[in-house]
Amino acid sequence: MPKIPAPNHPNFHPDRDILSLAAMKADYQTLPDRAQAADWSRVDIAIALMVQEAENNFLAMETAIVLAAPKPH
C-alpha cells in the first residue's frame, strides 16, 4: 500500500482539511476491502462506517452551534 503523503501546507491553511481528505482518499476507499479481508463482515463494516460518519456529523454540528452562539455581555 502506498504511503499517505505528508502535509505540505501549514496547520491553519484554509484548504488543509480538503488536502488531508484528498491525501487519504485512496486508503479510505480500500478500507472496506481490507476490513473484509481481515474477516469483518460487510454488515460490521457498514455499521462502523455509518457510526463514524454520524460522529463526524455530530461534531460538525456541535462546532457550528458553538461558533454561532451569542457572546455573553
Protein backbone atom coordinates (compact mmCIF):
# COMPACT_ATOMS: atom_id res chain seq x y z
CA MET A 1 0.00 0.00 0.00
CA PRO A 2 1.40 3.44 -0.93
CA LYS A 3 2.39 5.82 1.81
CA ILE A 4 -0.02 8.68 2.59
CA PRO A 5 1.65 11.92 1.52
CA ALA A 6 2.72 14.31 4.26
CA PRO A 7 1.02 17.71 4.51
CA ASN A 8 2.70 20.45 2.52
CA HIS A 9 0.81 23.43 3.99
CA PRO A 10 0.85 24.99 7.48
CA ASN A 11 -1.63 23.79 10.12
CA PHE A 12 -4.10 26.64 9.67
CA HIS A 13 -4.07 26.78 5.86
CA PRO A 14 -7.70 27.27 4.68
CA ASP A 15 -7.57 24.21 2.37
CA ARG A 16 -5.82 21.86 4.80
CA ASP A 17 -8.99 19.82 5.51
CA ILE A 18 -9.63 19.31 1.79
CA LEU A 19 -5.99 18.42 1.18
CA SER A 20 -5.97 15.89 4.03
CA LEU A 21 -9.08 14.20 2.65
CA ALA A 22 -7.50 14.00 -0.79
CA ALA A 23 -4.31 12.52 0.68
CA MET A 24 -6.24 9.79 2.49
CA LYS A 25 -8.88 9.12 -0.18
CA ALA A 26 -7.21 6.05 -1.69
CA ASP A 27 -6.74 4.39 1.71
CA TYR A 28 -10.27 5.31 2.76
CA GLN A 29 -11.72 3.79 -0.42
CA THR A 30 -9.88 0.49 0.12
CA LEU A 31 -10.79 0.29 3.83
CA PRO A 32 -13.91 -1.90 3.35
CA ASP A 33 -11.99 -4.39 1.20
CA ARG A 34 -9.14 -4.54 3.71
CA ALA A 35 -11.57 -4.99 6.61
CA GLN A 36 -13.38 -7.76 4.75
CA ALA A 37 -10.02 -9.46 4.06
CA ALA A 38 -9.44 -9.36 7.84
CA ASP A 39 -12.73 -11.34 8.24
CA TRP A 40 -15.01 -8.45 9.25
CA SER A 41 -18.48 -8.92 7.77
CA ARG A 42 -19.93 -6.42 5.32
CA VAL A 43 -22.57 -5.55 7.94
CA ASP A 44 -19.89 -4.89 10.60
CA ILE A 45 -18.00 -2.69 8.15
CA ALA A 46 -21.11 -0.76 7.09
CA ILE A 47 -22.14 -0.15 10.70
CA ALA A 48 -18.65 1.01 11.67
CA LEU A 49 -18.50 3.44 8.75
CA MET A 50 -22.00 4.79 9.45
CA VAL A 51 -21.21 5.29 13.15
CA GLN A 52 -18.01 7.12 12.23
CA GLU A 53 -19.89 9.34 9.78
CA ALA A 54 -22.61 10.08 12.36
CA GLU A 55 -19.97 11.03 14.94
CA ASN A 56 -18.28 13.33 12.40
CA ASN A 57 -21.61 14.99 11.57
CA PHE A 58 -22.45 15.42 15.26
CA LEU A 59 -19.07 17.03 15.95
CA ALA A 60 -19.52 19.35 12.96
CA MET A 61 -22.97 20.39 14.18
CA GLU A 62 -21.68 20.89 17.73
CA THR A 63 -18.87 23.09 16.42
CA ALA A 64 -21.29 25.13 14.31
CA ILE A 65 -23.56 25.66 17.33
CA VAL A 66 -20.66 26.85 19.46
CA LEU A 67 -19.44 29.20 16.73
CA ALA A 68 -22.95 30.61 16.20
CA ALA A 69 -23.73 31.03 19.92
CA PRO A 70 -24.20 34.62 21.02
CA LYS A 71 -21.41 36.09 23.11
CA PRO A 72 -22.35 36.95 26.71
CA HIS A 73 -22.26 40.67 27.51
